[in-house]
Amino acid sequence: MLNLDRLRTLSAIARHGSVSAAADGLHVTTSAVSQQIAKLERETGQQLLAKNGRGVRLTDAGRLLADHAGRILSQVELAQADLEAHRGQAVGELRLGAFPTAARGLFPFALVSLRAEHPQLRPRLTELEPDESVRGVVRGDLDLAVVLDWYNRPLSLPDGLAKAPLLDDPADVAMPSDHPLAGRRSVELEDFADDEWISWPQGEFCHDWLMFTLRSRGVEPRIAHMAEEHHTQLSLIAAGLGVAVAPRLGRGPVPAGVSVVPVRHTMRRHVYAIWRADADRRPSIRAAVRALRTAGESVGAEVGAGGS
């Protein structure tokens, strides 16, 4: 029997045109793509890819199977959607992913709402970084995920995904309370050209965004410390060890010794839900999107007013 994950990999190569682009689209390594194709070739007894200069091309057998793969994968999703829609209720397990501050700031409200309105639905939340969530949705490991991008750096999404905006999340600059700019009504990033920065870990989407944004403002960032969790970043700031960009969603009370000041030209993260387009008809997906939108409206009003 043909493996669905391997068919999904072949379909991605056909869609994106190369192994590396397919790997980017699936949010996996090129090695993982090559391994999946090698296994699929053994399963089928056919050569599916051939060298083409520095890249690869689909063989006739590869194109034939890729066409079937697209239809098979779509049909699997539609079958699941139709079965759920036939019952007319949001039921069964719903696998969800969210980046940490969304998991903390949005999901408690949304999950309580889902439990009250759809008692037969079993949502299961996993905290994941956005790129991991995208990969999970594409591969079918997650049914829906909440991800983010920044106002000046969109997150690349593969074909075949649907999305719904949930809220815009403003970000401030957090600094020690004795910092010379701590009493300002607003600041610009350029004001911190001589400061040391506390960043997300290297390789994460938000770290890359911070480097890109500071450099676009003529600031060569000096990264003193890197921490994934925002509360850890704020603790380092409270100790006087640097400044950081601090989004408001899920931030909670700011610790003593830290001041947050809005940026004059507002920086925002766009927060949205994503799911496979073929799953649009599933009542559980629609219920989750409604609950998250309601949570986003409530939380968005709070963070837009300044958070805490």
Protein backbone atom coordinates (compact mmCIF):
# COMPACT_ATOMS: atom_id res chain seq x y z
CA MET A 1 0.00 0.00 0.00
CA LEU A 2 1.33 3.45 -0.90
CA ASN A 3 2.31 5.61 2.07
CA LEU A 4 0.40 8.91 2.28
CA ASP A 5 3.35 10.88 3.69
CA ARG A 6 5.50 9.76 0.76
CA LEU A 7 2.79 10.62 -1.73
CA ARG A 8 2.53 14.03 -0.08
CA THR A 9 6.29 14.50 -0.55
CA LEU A 10 6.13 13.57 -4.24
CA SER A 11 3.17 15.91 -4.73
CA ALA A 12 5.18 18.75 -3.14
CA ILE A 13 8.09 18.17 -5.55
CA ALA A 14 5.69 18.27 -8.49
CA ARG A 15 4.10 21.46 -7.12
CA HIS A 16 7.30 23.32 -6.20
CA GLY A 17 9.60 22.06 -8.94
CA SER A 18 12.61 20.94 -6.89
CA VAL A 19 13.62 18.91 -3.86
CA SER A 20 14.83 21.98 -1.96
CA ALA A 21 11.67 23.98 -2.69
CA ALA A 22 9.53 20.99 -1.68
CA ALA A 23 11.52 20.73 1.56
CA ASP A 24 10.89 24.42 2.25
CA GLY A 25 7.20 24.01 1.47
CA LEU A 26 6.88 20.98 3.74
CA HIS A 27 9.14 22.58 6.38
CA VAL A 28 11.48 19.56 6.44
CA THR A 29 15.09 19.00 5.36
CA THR A 30 16.10 18.13 1.81
CA SER A 31 17.52 14.90 3.22
CA ALA A 32 14.10 13.96 4.61
CA VAL A 33 12.51 14.59 1.20
CA SER A 34 15.12 12.46 -0.55
CA GLN A 35 14.63 9.63 1.94
CA GLN A 36 10.86 9.66 1.43
CA ILE A 37 11.25 9.54 -2.36
CA ALA A 38 13.79 6.69 -2.13
CA LYS A 39 11.32 4.68 -0.05
CA LEU A 40 8.49 5.47 -2.46
CA GLU A 41 10.62 4.30 -5.39
CA ARG A 42 11.26 1.03 -3.59
CA GLU A 43 7.52 0.67 -2.88
CA THR A 44 6.55 1.25 -6.50
CA GLY A 45 9.54 -0.40 -8.17
CA GLN A 46 9.79 2.66 -10.43
CA GLN A 47 12.24 5.53 -10.80
CA LEU A 48 10.29 8.68 -9.93
CA LEU A 49 13.02 11.34 -10.12
CA ALA A 50 15.89 11.80 -12.57
CA LYS A 51 18.84 14.18 -12.48
CA ASN A 52 18.44 17.32 -14.53
CA GLY A 53 21.59 19.45 -14.42
CA ARG A 54 22.06 20.42 -10.80
CA GLY A 55 18.45 19.63 -9.97
CA VAL A 56 15.94 16.87 -10.61
CA ARG A 57 12.89 16.29 -12.76
CA LEU A 58 9.97 13.93 -12.47
CA THR A 59 10.14 10.91 -14.72
CA ASP A 60 7.05 9.86 -16.66
CA ALA A 61 6.24 7.46 -13.82
CA GLY A 62 6.86 10.25 -11.32
CA ARG A 63 4.48 12.64 -13.08
CA LEU A 64 1.84 9.93 -13.34
CA LEU A 65 2.06 9.08 -9.65
CA ALA A 66 2.23 12.76 -8.63
CA ASP A 67 -1.05 13.41 -10.46
CA HIS A 68 -2.65 10.51 -8.63
CA ALA A 69 -1.09 11.66 -5.34
CA GLY A 70 -2.74 15.08 -5.57
CA ARG A 71 -6.14 13.51 -6.12
CA ILE A 72 -5.62 10.88 -3.42
CA LEU A 73 -4.56 13.39 -0.78
CA SER A 74 -7.45 15.70 -1.63
CA GLN A 75 -9.88 12.80 -1.52
CA VAL A 76 -8.63 11.63 1.89
CA GLU A 77 -9.20 15.10 3.31
CA LEU A 78 -12.61 15.37 1.68
CA ALA A 79 -13.62 11.96 3.01
CA GLN A 80 -12.78 13.02 6.54
CA ALA A 81 -14.61 16.31 6.06
CA ASP A 82 -17.68 14.62 4.59
CA LEU A 83 -17.89 12.05 7.38
CA GLU A 84 -17.78 14.76 10.00
CA ALA A 85 -20.20 16.99 8.08
CA HIS A 86 -22.58 14.05 7.69
CA ARG A 87 -22.91 13.90 11.44
CA GLY A 88 -23.45 17.65 11.47
CA GLN A 89 -21.57 18.04 14.73
CA ALA A 90 -18.06 18.89 15.86
CA VAL A 91 -16.99 15.55 17.30
CA GLY A 92 -13.86 13.47 17.83
CA GLU A 93 -10.27 14.55 18.27
CA LEU A 94 -9.03 17.89 16.93
CA ARG A 95 -5.25 18.29 16.91
CA LEU A 96 -4.15 21.89 17.41
CA GLY A 97 -0.79 23.66 17.38
CA ALA A 98 0.12 27.15 18.56
CA PHE A 99 3.21 29.24 19.26
CA PRO A 100 3.82 29.82 23.00
CA THR A 101 2.25 33.26 23.55
CA ALA A 102 -0.83 32.27 21.54
CA ALA A 103 -1.11 29.05 23.54
CA ARG A 104 -1.07 31.17 26.70
CA GLY A 105 -2.98 34.23 25.50
CA LEU A 106 -5.67 32.81 23.19
CA PHE A 107 -6.26 29.15 23.85
CA PRO A 108 -7.54 29.07 27.44
CA PHE A 109 -10.56 31.15 26.37
CA ALA A 110 -11.02 29.29 23.08
CA LEU A 111 -10.74 25.80 24.59
CA VAL A 112 -13.21 26.55 27.37
CA SER A 113 -15.64 27.85 24.75
CA LEU A 114 -15.21 24.73 22.60
CA ARG A 115 -15.74 22.43 25.57
CA ALA A 116 -18.96 24.24 26.53
CA GLU A 117 -20.44 24.42 23.01
CA HIS A 118 -19.19 21.10 21.62
CA PRO A 119 -18.92 18.55 24.44
CA GLN A 120 -18.20 15.67 22.02
CA LEU A 121 -15.18 17.45 20.55
CA ARG A 122 -11.78 16.58 22.03
CA PRO A 123 -9.32 19.39 21.18
CA ARG A 124 -5.67 18.54 21.87
CA LEU A 125 -3.22 21.47 21.98
CA THR A 126 0.53 21.22 21.38
CA GLU A 127 2.82 24.22 21.82
CA LEU A 128 4.97 24.58 18.68
CA GLU A 129 6.93 27.24 16.85
CA PRO A 130 5.20 28.53 13.68
CA ASP A 131 7.37 26.61 11.21
CA GLU A 132 6.75 23.37 13.10
CA SER A 133 3.01 24.06 13.10
CA VAL A 134 2.97 24.71 9.36
CA ARG A 135 4.80 21.45 8.78
CA GLY A 136 2.36 19.63 11.04
CA VAL A 137 -0.69 20.94 9.19
CA VAL A 138 0.79 20.20 5.76
CA ARG A 139 1.72 16.65 6.74
CA GLY A 140 -1.60 16.00 8.47
CA ASP A 141 -0.16 15.69 11.97
CA LEU A 142 -2.23 18.74 13.01
CA ASP A 143 -5.75 19.69 11.95
CA LEU A 144 -5.36 23.40 12.67
CA ALA A 145 -2.62 25.70 13.92
CA VAL A 146 -2.24 29.28 15.07
CA VAL A 147 0.82 30.92 13.54
CA LEU A 148 2.19 34.42 13.09
CA ASP A 149 4.11 36.69 10.82
CA TRP A 150 5.31 40.29 11.18
CA TYR A 151 4.02 43.43 9.48
CA ASN A 152 7.19 43.63 7.37
CA ARG A 153 8.07 39.92 7.01
CA PRO A 154 5.30 37.49 6.00
CA LEU A 155 5.49 33.79 6.78
CA SER A 156 5.61 31.69 3.64
CA LEU A 157 2.70 29.23 3.47
CA PRO A 158 2.51 26.24 1.12
CA ASP A 159 -0.30 25.86 -1.39
CA GLY A 160 -3.39 24.06 -0.21
CA LEU A 161 -3.75 25.84 3.13
CA ALA A 162 -6.60 28.13 4.17
CA LYS A 163 -6.20 30.83 6.81
CA ALA A 164 -8.27 33.18 8.93
CA PRO A 165 -6.95 36.31 10.68
CA LEU A 166 -7.41 36.32 14.46
CA LEU A 167 -5.81 39.52 15.72
CA ASP A 168 -2.96 42.00 15.31
CA ASP A 169 -0.54 41.94 18.21
CA PRO A 170 1.40 45.19 18.84
CA ALA A 171 4.94 44.91 20.20
CA ASP A 172 6.74 47.30 22.54
CA VAL A 173 10.37 47.67 23.50
CA ALA A 174 11.10 46.30 26.98
CA MET A 175 14.01 47.82 28.89
CA PRO A 176 15.31 48.11 32.46
CA SER A 177 13.33 50.66 34.44
CA ASP A 178 16.45 52.77 34.95
CA HIS A 179 17.12 52.97 31.20
CA PRO A 180 17.33 56.61 29.98
CA LEU A 181 14.38 56.03 27.62
CA ALA A 182 12.13 54.26 30.12
CA GLY A 183 10.02 57.38 30.75
CA ARG A 184 9.30 58.15 27.10
CA ARG A 185 5.78 57.99 25.69
CA SER A 186 7.13 56.24 22.58
CA VAL A 187 10.46 55.24 21.09
CA GLU A 188 12.03 54.17 17.79
CA LEU A 189 14.23 51.12 17.36
CA GLU A 190 17.06 53.39 16.23
CA ASP A 191 17.10 54.86 19.75
CA PHE A 192 18.63 51.57 20.96
CA ALA A 193 21.54 51.39 18.51
CA ASP A 194 24.05 51.33 21.38
CA ASP A 195 22.17 48.82 23.56
CA GLU A 196 22.68 45.11 23.86
CA TRP A 197 19.69 43.05 22.73
CA ILE A 198 18.01 39.96 24.09
CA SER A 199 16.63 37.90 21.23
CA TRP A 200 14.79 34.71 20.41
CA PRO A 201 17.17 31.81 19.59
CA GLN A 202 19.05 31.87 16.32
CA GLY A 203 17.20 30.21 13.46
CA GLU A 204 13.73 31.00 14.79
CA PHE A 205 11.40 33.07 12.63
CA CYS A 206 11.21 35.92 15.18
CA HIS A 207 15.00 36.06 15.58
CA ASP A 208 15.40 36.39 11.81
CA TRP A 209 12.72 39.08 11.81
CA LEU A 210 14.51 41.05 14.56
CA MET A 211 17.84 40.96 12.69
CA PHE A 212 16.15 42.00 9.45
CA THR A 213 14.18 44.84 11.07
CA LEU A 214 17.05 46.32 13.07
CA ARG A 215 19.38 46.24 10.09
CA SER A 216 16.73 47.85 7.89
CA ARG A 217 16.75 50.72 10.40
CA GLY A 218 20.53 51.07 10.15
CA VAL A 219 21.16 49.29 13.47
CA GLU A 220 23.68 46.46 13.60
CA PRO A 221 22.31 44.45 16.55
CA ARG A 222 24.55 43.34 19.36
CA ILE A 223 22.88 40.19 20.68
CA ALA A 224 23.92 39.60 24.27
CA HIS A 225 21.54 36.77 25.18
CA MET A 226 19.00 34.53 23.48
CA ALA A 227 15.94 33.00 25.15
CA GLU A 228 12.90 31.37 23.61
CA GLU A 229 10.43 32.15 26.39
CA HIS A 230 9.31 35.78 26.69
CA HIS A 231 9.19 35.61 30.48
CA THR A 232 12.86 34.59 30.51
CA GLN A 233 13.68 37.55 28.29
CA LEU A 234 11.86 39.89 30.68
CA SER A 235 13.73 38.44 33.67
CA LEU A 236 17.04 39.12 31.93
CA ILE A 237 15.90 42.68 31.22
CA ALA A 238 14.91 43.14 34.87
CA ALA A 239 18.50 42.21 35.76
CA GLY A 240 19.74 45.03 33.53
CA LEU A 241 21.18 42.75 30.86
CA GLY A 242 19.68 44.27 27.72
CA VAL A 243 16.56 45.35 25.85
CA ALA A 244 14.09 43.33 23.77
CA VAL A 245 11.02 43.52 21.56
CA ALA A 246 8.07 42.43 23.71
CA PRO A 247 4.80 41.51 21.96
CA ARG A 248 1.71 42.02 24.12
CA LEU A 249 -0.19 38.77 23.44
CA GLY A 250 0.22 36.43 26.39
CA ARG A 251 2.76 38.72 28.03
CA GLY A 252 1.02 39.01 31.37
CA PRO A 253 2.22 41.34 34.14
CA VAL A 254 5.61 42.90 33.51
CA PRO A 255 8.08 42.07 36.31
CA ALA A 256 9.45 44.75 38.63
CA GLY A 257 12.44 46.49 37.16
CA VAL A 258 11.13 46.37 33.57
CA SER A 259 9.50 49.18 31.59
CA VAL A 260 7.72 48.70 28.26
CA VAL A 261 7.40 51.61 25.85
CA PRO A 262 5.37 51.59 22.61
CA VAL A 263 7.17 52.01 19.30
CA ARG A 264 6.22 55.24 17.55
CA HIS A 265 5.69 53.49 14.20
CA THR A 266 3.75 50.55 15.56
CA MET A 267 5.24 47.09 15.08
CA ARG A 268 2.66 44.32 14.86
CA ARG A 269 2.55 40.57 14.61
CA HIS A 270 -0.31 39.20 12.51
CA VAL A 271 -1.81 36.15 14.22
CA TYR A 272 -3.95 33.75 12.22
CA ALA A 273 -5.28 30.20 12.08
CA ILE A 274 -4.32 27.84 9.26
CA TRP A 275 -5.76 24.51 8.15
CA ARG A 276 -5.85 22.37 5.03
CA ALA A 277 -8.29 23.84 2.51
CA ASP A 278 -9.79 20.41 1.88
CA ALA A 279 -10.94 20.35 5.51
CA ASP A 280 -13.11 23.48 5.16
CA ARG A 281 -16.34 21.53 5.55
CA ARG A 282 -15.39 19.87 8.83
CA PRO A 283 -17.64 21.20 11.61
CA SER A 284 -14.77 20.84 14.09
CA ILE A 285 -12.52 23.12 12.02
CA ARG A 286 -15.28 25.71 11.67
CA ALA A 287 -16.03 25.54 15.40
CA ALA A 288 -12.37 26.00 16.30
CA VAL A 289 -11.97 28.97 13.94
CA ARG A 290 -15.08 30.63 15.42
CA ALA A 291 -13.83 30.10 18.98
CA LEU A 292 -10.38 31.45 18.12
CA ARG A 293 -11.83 34.48 16.33
CA THR A 294 -13.98 35.28 19.37
CA ALA A 295 -10.94 34.90 21.62
CA GLY A 296 -8.95 37.07 19.21
CA GLU A 297 -11.54 39.84 19.32
CA SER A 298 -11.53 39.83 23.11
CA VAL A 299 -7.76 39.63 23.51
CA GLY A 300 -7.16 42.00 20.58
CA ALA A 301 -9.10 44.76 22.28
CA GLU A 302 -6.95 44.33 25.38
CA VAL A 303 -3.55 44.21 23.69
CA GLY A 304 -4.49 47.06 21.38
CA ALA A 305 -5.23 49.20 24.42
CA GLY A 306 -1.76 48.59 25.77
CA GLY A 307 -1.76 45.20 27.51
CA SER A 308 -0.14 44.87 30.91
